[in-house]
Amino acid sequence: FGTHLLLIAALTLSPASATAQAGNDASGEDVYPPRWDLAPGNLQEFLGKDNKILIDAWNYRERLGVYKNLLNYSATYFSASGSQNLGNILWGLPLQHGWQFRTGRLADPSSESSCGSEDGDPLCISVRSWWSCMNYYLSVIPFLGAVEAGLFGDLQDKVEILPPEERRADFCYSVANCRSHLPKVMDDWKAYFESPATSSSFKLDEALGLMWKAHVASIAYALPKFQDSLKSLSGPEAEFGEDWANAVDFIAATHFSTDLQTTNQFQAFLPQRMLVEGDVLPSISGFSPEQNRVLLAMRALHKTNKFTGGLLLKLWRKAMSTEAGRKMGRKLIASLTSS
């Protein structure tokens, strides 16, 4: 029983069959998130006022700039992986955010405002979007964790995030403010950003473990907070959002690498538009057979994990608890869909 469930999980998460579909993307112009070249590359490019750095995290360009600074300032830890910082494992975060932007998932789903719409304010990130609210905890919180860890120097009291017009109480806006609201999540991100600087022998698997631990903690904190936002999405899109959040737990346990090329290959699986009423798996119009199959597998994985009361995830984490186990798990994942 346990082995069968683990195989279901592995099948869901395999990047192998996407490689042929996305292999060319890693060298093409779409390799970076949309408008990456326009995002602030250093902290001085953000608005400064009263000796503070003010960041509007509800503007796509500025939230993308948060990621760009994280990548730029941590580049030295990944210098051995090649030029252009391509091996940095933080690439998974801005690439996921770029996919959300490109597919319209950061716009106001109610269409009551022009926030995020092409004919309105395309760079606006809507606080009514479930995806954008969840992503706040995978952009601003890692950034403030890095600030607290000293990645940018002595800035703890000098960085402030501007609040949205609505739901202000659902977010935090500075190192001190976030530490008072979610200390464990801040601890996890701080630990990740401190690890390369304090380790005499930098190990990628250890870094991935710390990064994924913080990533999962962010989602676990945010998911119950924004359950109500799922109601504004179509039924299929809401289900996909929950399925994706569940799948991340399984991906994390393998210490899946989130460098630039690997993430781009993996994201070929994801739907390139919002799901709408009438989209029925496994035959969603316009989706590749691989996308349909993986979305269906994610749905089955989520249902199975719920049906077993989380036993599936516990079994998977136990199997992935050693470096040898994770290596075997990644090989298993790849072999299940290779032809």
C-alpha atoms as a PDB file:
ATOM      1  CA  PHE A   1       0.000   0.000   0.000  1.00  0.00           C
ATOM      2  CA  GLY A   2       2.684   2.492   1.032  1.00  0.00           C
ATOM      3  CA  THR A   3       4.855   1.731  -2.007  1.00  0.00           C
ATOM      4  CA  HIS A   4       1.900   2.170  -4.333  1.00  0.00           C
ATOM      5  CA  LEU A   5       1.108   5.582  -2.878  1.00  0.00           C
ATOM      6  CA  LEU A   6       4.729   6.639  -3.177  1.00  0.00           C
ATOM      7  CA  LEU A   7       4.690   5.675  -6.838  1.00  0.00           C
ATOM      8  CA  ILE A   8       1.613   7.844  -7.360  1.00  0.00           C
ATOM      9  CA  ALA A   9       3.466  10.735  -5.765  1.00  0.00           C
ATOM     10  CA  ALA A  10       6.562  10.136  -7.859  1.00  0.00           C
ATOM     11  CA  LEU A  11       4.542   9.966 -11.073  1.00  0.00           C
ATOM     12  CA  THR A  12       2.923  13.277 -10.242  1.00  0.00           C
ATOM     13  CA  LEU A  13       6.162  15.099  -9.681  1.00  0.00           C
ATOM     14  CA  SER A  14       8.333  13.838 -12.531  1.00  0.00           C
ATOM     15  CA  PRO A  15      10.002  16.517 -14.653  1.00  0.00           C
ATOM     16  CA  ALA A  16      11.355  13.989 -17.139  1.00  0.00           C
ATOM     17  CA  SER A  17       8.623  14.057 -19.759  1.00  0.00           C
ATOM     18  CA  ALA A  18       8.643  17.839 -19.776  1.00  0.00           C
ATOM     19  CA  THR A  19      12.299  17.943 -20.673  1.00  0.00           C
ATOM     20  CA  ALA A  20      11.700  17.373 -24.389  1.00  0.00           C
ATOM     21  CA  GLN A  21       8.927  19.951 -24.394  1.00  0.00           C
ATOM     22  CA  ALA A  22      10.882  22.597 -22.463  1.00  0.00           C
ATOM     23  CA  GLY A  23      14.462  21.737 -23.281  1.00  0.00           C
ATOM     24  CA  ASN A  24      14.838  24.658 -25.662  1.00  0.00           C
ATOM     25  CA  ASP A  25      13.333  27.172 -23.222  1.00  0.00           C
ATOM     26  CA  ALA A  26      16.433  27.249 -21.028  1.00  0.00           C
ATOM     27  CA  SER A  27      18.395  29.013 -23.750  1.00  0.00           C
ATOM     28  CA  GLY A  28      15.621  31.087 -25.293  1.00  0.00           C
ATOM     29  CA  GLU A  29      14.376  34.591 -24.561  1.00  0.00           C
ATOM     30  CA  ASP A  30      11.657  33.247 -22.264  1.00  0.00           C
ATOM     31  CA  VAL A  31      14.180  31.789 -19.840  1.00  0.00           C
ATOM     32  CA  TYR A  32      13.724  34.684 -17.390  1.00  0.00           C
ATOM     33  CA  PRO A  33      10.486  35.901 -15.797  1.00  0.00           C
ATOM     34  CA  PRO A  34       8.570  38.469 -17.883  1.00  0.00           C
ATOM     35  CA  ARG A  35      10.114  41.974 -17.657  1.00  0.00           C
ATOM     36  CA  TRP A  36      13.060  40.684 -15.639  1.00  0.00           C
ATOM     37  CA  ASP A  37      15.373  43.251 -17.271  1.00  0.00           C
ATOM     38  CA  LEU A  38      13.153  46.094 -15.974  1.00  0.00           C
ATOM     39  CA  ALA A  39      13.125  44.952 -12.335  1.00  0.00           C
ATOM     40  CA  PRO A  40      15.280  46.864  -9.808  1.00  0.00           C
ATOM     41  CA  GLY A  41      18.625  45.096  -9.540  1.00  0.00           C
ATOM     42  CA  ASN A  42      19.817  46.843  -6.397  1.00  0.00           C
ATOM     43  CA  LEU A  43      18.119  48.304  -3.345  1.00  0.00           C
ATOM     44  CA  GLN A  44      18.958  51.883  -4.304  1.00  0.00           C
ATOM     45  CA  GLU A  45      16.547  51.605  -7.253  1.00  0.00           C
ATOM     46  CA  PHE A  46      13.555  51.374  -4.912  1.00  0.00           C
ATOM     47  CA  LEU A  47      11.886  54.505  -3.557  1.00  0.00           C
ATOM     48  CA  GLY A  48      13.834  56.103  -0.723  1.00  0.00           C
ATOM     49  CA  LYS A  49      12.222  58.345   1.885  1.00  0.00           C
ATOM     50  CA  ASP A  50      13.373  59.474   5.344  1.00  0.00           C
ATOM     51  CA  ASN A  51      16.405  57.158   5.145  1.00  0.00           C
ATOM     52  CA  LYS A  52      14.135  54.180   4.485  1.00  0.00           C
ATOM     53  CA  ILE A  53      13.817  51.879   1.485  1.00  0.00           C
ATOM     54  CA  LEU A  54      10.139  51.626   0.533  1.00  0.00           C
ATOM     55  CA  ILE A  55       9.023  48.675  -1.597  1.00  0.00           C
ATOM     56  CA  ASP A  56       5.605  48.364  -3.247  1.00  0.00           C
ATOM     57  CA  ALA A  57       5.072  44.606  -3.214  1.00  0.00           C
ATOM     58  CA  TRP A  58       1.744  45.078  -5.032  1.00  0.00           C
ATOM     59  CA  ASN A  59       3.528  46.191  -8.169  1.00  0.00           C
ATOM     60  CA  TYR A  60       4.866  43.344 -10.303  1.00  0.00           C
ATOM     61  CA  ARG A  61       8.064  45.172 -11.239  1.00  0.00           C
ATOM     62  CA  GLU A  62       8.931  45.885  -7.596  1.00  0.00           C
ATOM     63  CA  ARG A  63       8.032  42.426  -6.282  1.00  0.00           C
ATOM     64  CA  LEU A  64      10.159  41.005  -9.073  1.00  0.00           C
ATOM     65  CA  GLY A  65      12.889  43.385  -7.931  1.00  0.00           C
ATOM     66  CA  VAL A  66      12.771  41.816  -4.478  1.00  0.00           C
ATOM     67  CA  TYR A  67      13.655  38.491  -6.092  1.00  0.00           C
ATOM     68  CA  LYS A  68      16.315  40.061  -8.319  1.00  0.00           C
ATOM     69  CA  ASN A  69      18.088  41.509  -5.283  1.00  0.00           C
ATOM     70  CA  LEU A  70      17.975  38.171  -3.477  1.00  0.00           C
ATOM     71  CA  LEU A  71      19.572  36.493  -6.494  1.00  0.00           C
ATOM     72  CA  ASN A  72      22.167  39.207  -7.039  1.00  0.00           C
ATOM     73  CA  TYR A  73      23.295  39.354  -3.426  1.00  0.00           C
ATOM     74  CA  SER A  74      23.456  35.569  -3.037  1.00  0.00           C
ATOM     75  CA  ALA A  75      25.221  34.952  -6.358  1.00  0.00           C
ATOM     76  CA  THR A  76      28.616  34.484  -4.739  1.00  0.00           C
ATOM     77  CA  TYR A  77      27.440  31.280  -3.026  1.00  0.00           C
ATOM     78  CA  PHE A  78      26.712  29.682  -6.401  1.00  0.00           C
ATOM     79  CA  SER A  79      29.749  30.879  -8.356  1.00  0.00           C
ATOM     80  CA  ALA A  80      30.939  27.303  -8.824  1.00  0.00           C
ATOM     81  CA  SER A  81      27.797  26.471 -10.810  1.00  0.00           C
ATOM     82  CA  GLY A  82      28.804  28.675 -13.731  1.00  0.00           C
ATOM     83  CA  SER A  83      28.390  32.194 -14.998  1.00  0.00           C
ATOM     84  CA  GLN A  84      25.270  34.356 -14.865  1.00  0.00           C
ATOM     85  CA  ASN A  85      24.155  32.888 -11.520  1.00  0.00           C
ATOM     86  CA  LEU A  86      22.170  30.204 -13.371  1.00  0.00           C
ATOM     87  CA  GLY A  87      22.739  27.584 -10.669  1.00  0.00           C
ATOM     88  CA  ASN A  88      21.276  29.720  -7.882  1.00  0.00           C
ATOM     89  CA  ILE A  89      18.499  27.692  -6.250  1.00  0.00           C
ATOM     90  CA  LEU A  90      16.447  30.825  -5.577  1.00  0.00           C
ATOM     91  CA  TRP A  91      15.474  30.964  -9.278  1.00  0.00           C
ATOM     92  CA  GLY A  92      12.416  28.840  -8.543  1.00  0.00           C
ATOM     93  CA  LEU A  93      10.775  31.736  -6.693  1.00  0.00           C
ATOM     94  CA  PRO A  94      10.854  34.476  -9.381  1.00  0.00           C
ATOM     95  CA  LEU A  95      10.184  31.968 -12.157  1.00  0.00           C
ATOM     96  CA  GLN A  96       7.045  30.800 -10.357  1.00  0.00           C
ATOM     97  CA  HIS A  97       6.021  34.431  -9.857  1.00  0.00           C
ATOM     98  CA  GLY A  98       6.674  35.138 -13.540  1.00  0.00           C
ATOM     99  CA  TRP A  99       4.470  32.189 -14.512  1.00  0.00           C
ATOM    100  CA  GLN A 100       1.700  33.607 -12.312  1.00  0.00           C
ATOM    101  CA  PHE A 101       2.039  37.009 -13.982  1.00  0.00           C
ATOM    102  CA  ARG A 102       2.171  35.592 -17.512  1.00  0.00           C
ATOM    103  CA  THR A 103      -0.940  33.455 -16.974  1.00  0.00           C
ATOM    104  CA  GLY A 104      -3.056  36.217 -15.422  1.00  0.00           C
ATOM    105  CA  ARG A 105      -3.070  34.745 -11.933  1.00  0.00           C
ATOM    106  CA  LEU A 106      -1.992  37.993 -10.243  1.00  0.00           C
ATOM    107  CA  ALA A 107      -4.919  40.028 -11.608  1.00  0.00           C
ATOM    108  CA  ASP A 108      -8.183  40.796  -9.845  1.00  0.00           C
ATOM    109  CA  PRO A 109     -10.221  37.601 -10.423  1.00  0.00           C
ATOM    110  CA  SER A 110     -13.493  39.453  -9.819  1.00  0.00           C
ATOM    111  CA  SER A 111     -12.837  41.835 -12.746  1.00  0.00           C
ATOM    112  CA  GLU A 112     -14.254  44.586 -10.540  1.00  0.00           C
ATOM    113  CA  SER A 113     -11.052  46.542 -11.008  1.00  0.00           C
ATOM    114  CA  SER A 114      -8.465  46.914 -13.769  1.00  0.00           C
ATOM    115  CA  CYS A 115      -5.685  45.666 -11.487  1.00  0.00           C
ATOM    116  CA  GLY A 116      -3.518  43.268 -13.476  1.00  0.00           C
ATOM    117  CA  SER A 117      -5.494  43.542 -16.705  1.00  0.00           C
ATOM    118  CA  GLU A 118      -3.754  44.258 -19.990  1.00  0.00           C
ATOM    119  CA  ASP A 119      -6.116  47.136 -20.796  1.00  0.00           C
ATOM    120  CA  GLY A 120      -5.857  48.556 -17.274  1.00  0.00           C
ATOM    121  CA  ASP A 121      -2.803  48.399 -15.017  1.00  0.00           C
ATOM    122  CA  PRO A 122      -0.885  45.294 -16.149  1.00  0.00           C
ATOM    123  CA  LEU A 123       1.801  45.653 -13.453  1.00  0.00           C
ATOM    124  CA  CYS A 124      -0.729  45.852 -10.626  1.00  0.00           C
ATOM    125  CA  ILE A 125      -0.813  42.816  -8.311  1.00  0.00           C
ATOM    126  CA  SER A 126      -4.282  42.348  -6.864  1.00  0.00           C
ATOM    127  CA  VAL A 127      -4.734  41.670  -3.158  1.00  0.00           C
ATOM    128  CA  ARG A 128      -7.924  39.843  -4.179  1.00  0.00           C
ATOM    129  CA  SER A 129      -5.888  37.224  -6.018  1.00  0.00           C
ATOM    130  CA  TRP A 130      -5.288  34.010  -4.074  1.00  0.00           C
ATOM    131  CA  TRP A 131      -2.074  33.428  -6.008  1.00  0.00           C
ATOM    132  CA  SER A 132      -0.673  36.888  -5.288  1.00  0.00           C
ATOM    133  CA  CYS A 133      -1.488  36.693  -1.570  1.00  0.00           C
ATOM    134  CA  MET A 134       0.130  33.282  -1.256  1.00  0.00           C
ATOM    135  CA  ASN A 135       3.134  34.548  -3.217  1.00  0.00           C
ATOM    136  CA  TYR A 136       3.592  37.457  -0.777  1.00  0.00           C
ATOM    137  CA  TYR A 137       4.773  34.876   1.753  1.00  0.00           C
ATOM    138  CA  LEU A 138       7.229  33.490  -0.813  1.00  0.00           C
ATOM    139  CA  SER A 139       8.645  36.877  -1.823  1.00  0.00           C
ATOM    140  CA  VAL A 140       8.446  39.482   0.932  1.00  0.00           C
ATOM    141  CA  ILE A 141       9.019  37.032   3.793  1.00  0.00           C
ATOM    142  CA  PRO A 142      12.151  35.444   2.233  1.00  0.00           C
ATOM    143  CA  PHE A 143      13.401  38.966   1.468  1.00  0.00           C
ATOM    144  CA  LEU A 144      12.894  40.199   5.031  1.00  0.00           C
ATOM    145  CA  GLY A 145      14.446  36.980   6.320  1.00  0.00           C
ATOM    146  CA  ALA A 146      17.491  37.812   4.194  1.00  0.00           C
ATOM    147  CA  VAL A 147      17.499  41.369   5.534  1.00  0.00           C
ATOM    148  CA  GLU A 148      17.457  40.033   9.095  1.00  0.00           C
ATOM    149  CA  ALA A 149      20.252  37.583   8.247  1.00  0.00           C
ATOM    150  CA  GLY A 150      22.405  40.490   7.079  1.00  0.00           C
ATOM    151  CA  LEU A 151      22.560  39.529   3.390  1.00  0.00           C
ATOM    152  CA  PHE A 152      22.306  43.205   2.393  1.00  0.00           C
ATOM    153  CA  GLY A 153      24.305  44.625   5.283  1.00  0.00           C
ATOM    154  CA  ASP A 154      22.833  46.597   8.194  1.00  0.00           C
ATOM    155  CA  LEU A 155      19.301  47.289   6.944  1.00  0.00           C
ATOM    156  CA  GLN A 156      16.965  45.785   9.563  1.00  0.00           C
ATOM    157  CA  ASP A 157      15.283  49.078  10.464  1.00  0.00           C
ATOM    158  CA  LYS A 158      15.586  50.628   7.025  1.00  0.00           C
ATOM    159  CA  VAL A 159      13.297  48.487   4.847  1.00  0.00           C
ATOM    160  CA  GLU A 160       9.522  48.884   4.790  1.00  0.00           C
ATOM    161  CA  ILE A 161       6.961  47.177   2.566  1.00  0.00           C
ATOM    162  CA  LEU A 162       4.040  49.363   1.511  1.00  0.00           C
ATOM    163  CA  PRO A 163       0.626  47.918   2.474  1.00  0.00           C
ATOM    164  CA  PRO A 164      -2.157  47.110  -0.010  1.00  0.00           C
ATOM    165  CA  GLU A 165      -5.390  49.081  -0.026  1.00  0.00           C
ATOM    166  CA  GLU A 166      -7.340  46.112   1.339  1.00  0.00           C
ATOM    167  CA  ARG A 167      -6.663  43.254   3.792  1.00  0.00           C
ATOM    168  CA  ARG A 168      -3.790  45.083   5.484  1.00  0.00           C
ATOM    169  CA  ALA A 169      -4.030  42.883   8.579  1.00  0.00           C
ATOM    170  CA  ASP A 170      -3.247  39.772   6.509  1.00  0.00           C
ATOM    171  CA  PHE A 171       0.333  40.872   5.858  1.00  0.00           C
ATOM    172  CA  CYS A 172       3.384  42.203   7.663  1.00  0.00           C
ATOM    173  CA  TYR A 173       5.656  44.991   6.510  1.00  0.00           C
ATOM    174  CA  SER A 174       9.055  45.021   8.214  1.00  0.00           C
ATOM    175  CA  VAL A 175      11.516  42.664   9.883  1.00  0.00           C
ATOM    176  CA  ALA A 176      10.210  43.496  13.360  1.00  0.00           C
ATOM    177  CA  ASN A 177       6.565  43.383  12.289  1.00  0.00           C
ATOM    178  CA  CYS A 178       6.927  40.031  10.525  1.00  0.00           C
ATOM    179  CA  ARG A 179       8.956  38.529  13.360  1.00  0.00           C
ATOM    180  CA  SER A 180       6.149  39.365  15.788  1.00  0.00           C
ATOM    181  CA  HIS A 181       3.533  37.734  13.543  1.00  0.00           C
ATOM    182  CA  LEU A 182       5.299  34.660  12.157  1.00  0.00           C
ATOM    183  CA  PRO A 183       8.552  34.074  14.063  1.00  0.00           C
ATOM    184  CA  LYS A 184       9.039  30.453  12.976  1.00  0.00           C
ATOM    185  CA  VAL A 185       8.717  31.237   9.277  1.00  0.00           C
ATOM    186  CA  MET A 186      11.116  34.153   9.662  1.00  0.00           C
ATOM    187  CA  ASP A 187      13.514  31.861  11.538  1.00  0.00           C
ATOM    188  CA  ASP A 188      13.431  29.345   8.687  1.00  0.00           C
ATOM    189  CA  TRP A 189      14.211  31.915   5.997  1.00  0.00           C
ATOM    190  CA  LYS A 190      16.854  33.592   8.147  1.00  0.00           C
ATOM    191  CA  ALA A 191      18.492  30.183   8.681  1.00  0.00           C
ATOM    192  CA  TYR A 192      18.654  29.619   4.922  1.00  0.00           C
ATOM    193  CA  PHE A 193      20.317  32.965   4.218  1.00  0.00           C
ATOM    194  CA  GLU A 194      22.760  32.568   7.078  1.00  0.00           C
ATOM    195  CA  SER A 195      23.831  29.059   6.079  1.00  0.00           C
ATOM    196  CA  PRO A 196      26.058  29.776   3.050  1.00  0.00           C
ATOM    197  CA  ALA A 197      27.905  32.577   4.867  1.00  0.00           C
ATOM    198  CA  THR A 198      28.657  30.479   7.954  1.00  0.00           C
ATOM    199  CA  SER A 199      29.421  27.141   6.313  1.00  0.00           C
ATOM    200  CA  SER A 200      33.041  26.371   5.476  1.00  0.00           C
ATOM    201  CA  SER A 201      31.972  23.622   3.066  1.00  0.00           C
ATOM    202  CA  PHE A 202      28.877  24.678   1.146  1.00  0.00           C
ATOM    203  CA  LYS A 203      26.731  21.649   0.254  1.00  0.00           C
ATOM    204  CA  LEU A 204      23.925  22.022  -2.253  1.00  0.00           C
ATOM    205  CA  ASP A 205      21.737  19.321  -0.697  1.00  0.00           C
ATOM    206  CA  GLU A 206      21.887  21.031   2.692  1.00  0.00           C
ATOM    207  CA  ALA A 207      21.057  24.403   1.154  1.00  0.00           C
ATOM    208  CA  LEU A 208      18.127  22.895  -0.735  1.00  0.00           C
ATOM    209  CA  GLY A 209      16.889  21.305   2.481  1.00  0.00           C
ATOM    210  CA  LEU A 210      16.931  24.644   4.303  1.00  0.00           C
ATOM    211  CA  MET A 211      15.357  26.489   1.377  1.00  0.00           C
ATOM    212  CA  TRP A 212      12.542  23.953   0.955  1.00  0.00           C
ATOM    213  CA  LYS A 213      11.904  23.875   4.727  1.00  0.00           C
ATOM    214  CA  ALA A 214      11.331  27.632   4.656  1.00  0.00           C
ATOM    215  CA  HIS A 215       9.294  27.403   1.446  1.00  0.00           C
ATOM    216  CA  VAL A 216       6.930  24.818   2.956  1.00  0.00           C
ATOM    217  CA  ALA A 217       6.651  26.868   6.164  1.00  0.00           C
ATOM    218  CA  SER A 218       5.567  29.940   4.174  1.00  0.00           C
ATOM    219  CA  ILE A 219       2.847  28.003   2.372  1.00  0.00           C
ATOM    220  CA  ALA A 220       1.652  26.282   5.553  1.00  0.00           C
ATOM    221  CA  TYR A 221       1.261  29.663   7.246  1.00  0.00           C
ATOM    222  CA  ALA A 222      -0.466  31.382   4.319  1.00  0.00           C
ATOM    223  CA  LEU A 223      -2.762  28.600   3.094  1.00  0.00           C
ATOM    224  CA  PRO A 224      -5.400  28.761   5.854  1.00  0.00           C
ATOM    225  CA  LYS A 225      -5.214  32.564   5.900  1.00  0.00           C
ATOM    226  CA  PHE A 226      -6.416  32.877   2.298  1.00  0.00           C
ATOM    227  CA  GLN A 227      -8.940  30.050   2.022  1.00  0.00           C
ATOM    228  CA  ASP A 228     -11.667  32.617   1.436  1.00  0.00           C
ATOM    229  CA  SER A 229      -9.841  33.951  -1.636  1.00  0.00           C
ATOM    230  CA  LEU A 230     -10.224  30.583  -3.347  1.00  0.00           C
ATOM    231  CA  LYS A 231     -13.973  31.248  -3.562  1.00  0.00           C
ATOM    232  CA  SER A 232     -13.361  34.012  -6.101  1.00  0.00           C
ATOM    233  CA  LEU A 233     -11.748  31.524  -8.495  1.00  0.00           C
ATOM    234  CA  SER A 234     -13.457  29.060 -10.801  1.00  0.00           C
ATOM    235  CA  GLY A 235     -13.961  25.597  -9.354  1.00  0.00           C
ATOM    236  CA  PRO A 236     -11.214  24.019 -11.498  1.00  0.00           C
ATOM    237  CA  GLU A 237      -8.746  26.828 -10.737  1.00  0.00           C
ATOM    238  CA  ALA A 238      -9.413  26.665  -6.994  1.00  0.00           C
ATOM    239  CA  GLU A 239      -8.887  22.902  -7.045  1.00  0.00           C
ATOM    240  CA  PHE A 240      -5.659  23.328  -8.988  1.00  0.00           C
ATOM    241  CA  GLY A 241      -4.388  25.910  -6.484  1.00  0.00           C
ATOM    242  CA  GLU A 242      -4.935  23.537  -3.572  1.00  0.00           C
ATOM    243  CA  ASP A 243      -3.502  20.599  -5.548  1.00  0.00           C
ATOM    244  CA  TRP A 244      -0.380  22.618  -6.338  1.00  0.00           C
ATOM    245  CA  ALA A 245       0.118  23.676  -2.711  1.00  0.00           C
ATOM    246  CA  ASN A 246      -0.173  20.013  -1.685  1.00  0.00           C
ATOM    247  CA  ALA A 247       2.266  18.879  -4.399  1.00  0.00           C
ATOM    248  CA  VAL A 248       4.910  21.327  -3.189  1.00  0.00           C
ATOM    249  CA  ASP A 249       5.215  19.312   0.038  1.00  0.00           C
ATOM    250  CA  PHE A 250       6.175  16.246  -1.986  1.00  0.00           C
ATOM    251  CA  ILE A 251       8.550  18.172  -4.241  1.00  0.00           C
ATOM    252  CA  ALA A 252      10.228  19.722  -1.205  1.00  0.00           C
ATOM    253  CA  ALA A 253      10.971  16.361   0.406  1.00  0.00           C
ATOM    254  CA  THR A 254      13.167  15.348  -2.552  1.00  0.00           C
ATOM    255  CA  HIS A 255      15.256  18.535  -2.283  1.00  0.00           C
ATOM    256  CA  PHE A 256      14.327  19.141  -5.904  1.00  0.00           C
ATOM    257  CA  SER A 257      16.780  21.581  -7.466  1.00  0.00           C
ATOM    258  CA  THR A 258      15.287  24.977  -8.307  1.00  0.00           C
ATOM    259  CA  ASP A 259      18.055  26.380 -10.480  1.00  0.00           C
ATOM    260  CA  LEU A 260      17.116  28.274 -13.631  1.00  0.00           C
ATOM    261  CA  GLN A 261      17.104  25.457 -16.180  1.00  0.00           C
ATOM    262  CA  THR A 262      15.510  22.786 -13.984  1.00  0.00           C
ATOM    263  CA  THR A 263      12.707  25.107 -12.882  1.00  0.00           C
ATOM    264  CA  ASN A 264      11.955  26.141 -16.460  1.00  0.00           C
ATOM    265  CA  GLN A 265      11.753  22.506 -17.495  1.00  0.00           C
ATOM    266  CA  PHE A 266       9.451  21.676 -14.609  1.00  0.00           C
ATOM    267  CA  GLN A 267       7.128  24.614 -15.255  1.00  0.00           C
ATOM    268  CA  ALA A 268       6.356  23.280 -18.722  1.00  0.00           C
ATOM    269  CA  PHE A 269       3.895  21.049 -16.846  1.00  0.00           C
ATOM    270  CA  LEU A 270       1.897  23.953 -15.460  1.00  0.00           C
ATOM    271  CA  PRO A 271      -1.225  25.394 -17.131  1.00  0.00           C
ATOM    272  CA  GLN A 272      -0.475  28.426 -19.268  1.00  0.00           C
ATOM    273  CA  ARG A 273      -3.822  30.063 -18.543  1.00  0.00           C
ATOM    274  CA  MET A 274      -6.332  30.229 -15.709  1.00  0.00           C
ATOM    275  CA  LEU A 275      -8.620  27.229 -15.489  1.00  0.00           C
ATOM    276  CA  VAL A 276     -12.294  28.021 -16.114  1.00  0.00           C
ATOM    277  CA  GLU A 277     -15.633  26.342 -15.573  1.00  0.00           C
ATOM    278  CA  GLY A 278     -15.960  23.602 -18.146  1.00  0.00           C
ATOM    279  CA  ASP A 279     -12.296  22.585 -17.965  1.00  0.00           C
ATOM    280  CA  VAL A 280     -12.503  18.865 -17.235  1.00  0.00           C
ATOM    281  CA  LEU A 281      -9.490  16.631 -16.680  1.00  0.00           C
ATOM    282  CA  PRO A 282      -7.890  14.863 -18.422  1.00  0.00           C
ATOM    283  CA  SER A 283      -8.996  16.594 -21.622  1.00  0.00           C
ATOM    284  CA  ILE A 284      -8.688  20.341 -21.081  1.00  0.00           C
ATOM    285  CA  SER A 285      -8.758  22.085 -24.450  1.00  0.00           C
ATOM    286  CA  GLY A 286      -5.482  23.619 -25.544  1.00  0.00           C
ATOM    287  CA  PHE A 287      -3.418  21.781 -22.932  1.00  0.00           C
ATOM    288  CA  SER A 288      -0.771  19.263 -23.941  1.00  0.00           C
ATOM    289  CA  PRO A 289      -1.310  15.603 -23.014  1.00  0.00           C
ATOM    290  CA  GLU A 290       1.519  15.981 -20.470  1.00  0.00           C
ATOM    291  CA  GLN A 291      -0.141  18.983 -18.823  1.00  0.00           C
ATOM    292  CA  ASN A 292      -3.496  17.216 -18.655  1.00  0.00           C
ATOM    293  CA  ARG A 293      -1.904  14.085 -17.236  1.00  0.00           C
ATOM    294  CA  VAL A 294       0.100  15.897 -14.576  1.00  0.00           C
ATOM    295  CA  LEU A 295      -2.840  18.044 -13.481  1.00  0.00           C
ATOM    296  CA  LEU A 296      -4.904  14.877 -13.149  1.00  0.00           C
ATOM    297  CA  ALA A 297      -2.123  13.208 -11.160  1.00  0.00           C
ATOM    298  CA  MET A 298      -1.861  16.246  -8.852  1.00  0.00           C
ATOM    299  CA  ARG A 299      -5.581  16.000  -8.231  1.00  0.00           C
ATOM    300  CA  ALA A 300      -5.282  12.279  -7.401  1.00  0.00           C
ATOM    301  CA  LEU A 301      -2.279  12.936  -5.188  1.00  0.00           C
ATOM    302  CA  HIS A 302      -4.129  15.571  -3.181  1.00  0.00           C
ATOM    303  CA  LYS A 303      -7.237  13.431  -2.801  1.00  0.00           C
ATOM    304  CA  THR A 304      -5.180  10.412  -1.762  1.00  0.00           C
ATOM    305  CA  ASN A 305      -3.213  12.401   0.774  1.00  0.00           C
ATOM    306  CA  LYS A 306      -6.444  13.755   2.276  1.00  0.00           C
ATOM    307  CA  PHE A 307      -8.093  10.332   2.254  1.00  0.00           C
ATOM    308  CA  THR A 308      -5.162   8.832   4.161  1.00  0.00           C
ATOM    309  CA  GLY A 309      -5.102  11.685   6.653  1.00  0.00           C
ATOM    310  CA  GLY A 310      -1.689  12.804   5.456  1.00  0.00           C
ATOM    311  CA  LEU A 311      -0.182   9.298   5.604  1.00  0.00           C
ATOM    312  CA  LEU A 312       0.994   9.538   1.992  1.00  0.00           C
ATOM    313  CA  LEU A 313       3.091  12.607   2.747  1.00  0.00           C
ATOM    314  CA  LYS A 314       4.485  11.026   5.921  1.00  0.00           C
ATOM    315  CA  LEU A 315       5.549   7.925   3.976  1.00  0.00           C
ATOM    316  CA  TRP A 316       7.136  10.036   1.273  1.00  0.00           C
ATOM    317  CA  ARG A 317       9.035  12.204   3.754  1.00  0.00           C
ATOM    318  CA  LYS A 318      10.295   9.117   5.562  1.00  0.00           C
ATOM    319  CA  ALA A 319      11.532   7.641   2.291  1.00  0.00           C
ATOM    320  CA  MET A 320      13.282  10.926   1.464  1.00  0.00           C
ATOM    321  CA  SER A 321      14.841  11.418   4.931  1.00  0.00           C
ATOM    322  CA  THR A 322      18.389  10.536   3.842  1.00  0.00           C
ATOM    323  CA  GLU A 323      20.545  11.897   1.046  1.00  0.00           C
ATOM    324  CA  ALA A 324      20.656   8.442  -0.535  1.00  0.00           C
ATOM    325  CA  GLY A 325      16.875   8.201  -0.292  1.00  0.00           C
ATOM    326  CA  ARG A 326      16.398  11.579  -1.952  1.00  0.00           C
ATOM    327  CA  LYS A 327      18.752  10.629  -4.740  1.00  0.00           C
ATOM    328  CA  MET A 328      16.863   7.389  -5.258  1.00  0.00           C
ATOM    329  CA  GLY A 329      13.586   9.279  -5.156  1.00  0.00           C
ATOM    330  CA  ARG A 330      14.685  11.691  -7.853  1.00  0.00           C
ATOM    331  CA  LYS A 331      15.830   8.802 -10.033  1.00  0.00           C
ATOM    332  CA  LEU A 332      12.519   7.039  -9.433  1.00  0.00           C
ATOM    333  CA  ILE A 333      10.620  10.157 -10.382  1.00  0.00           C
ATOM    334  CA  ALA A 334      12.598  10.516 -13.610  1.00  0.00           C
ATOM    335  CA  SER A 335      12.289   6.856 -14.556  1.00  0.00           C
ATOM    336  CA  LEU A 336       8.525   6.661 -14.157  1.00  0.00           C
ATOM    337  CA  THR A 337       7.790   8.900 -17.133  1.00  0.00           C
ATOM    338  CA  SER A 338      10.831   8.310 -19.287  1.00  0.00           C
ATOM    339  CA  SER A 339      10.079   6.391 -22.462  1.00  0.00           C
END
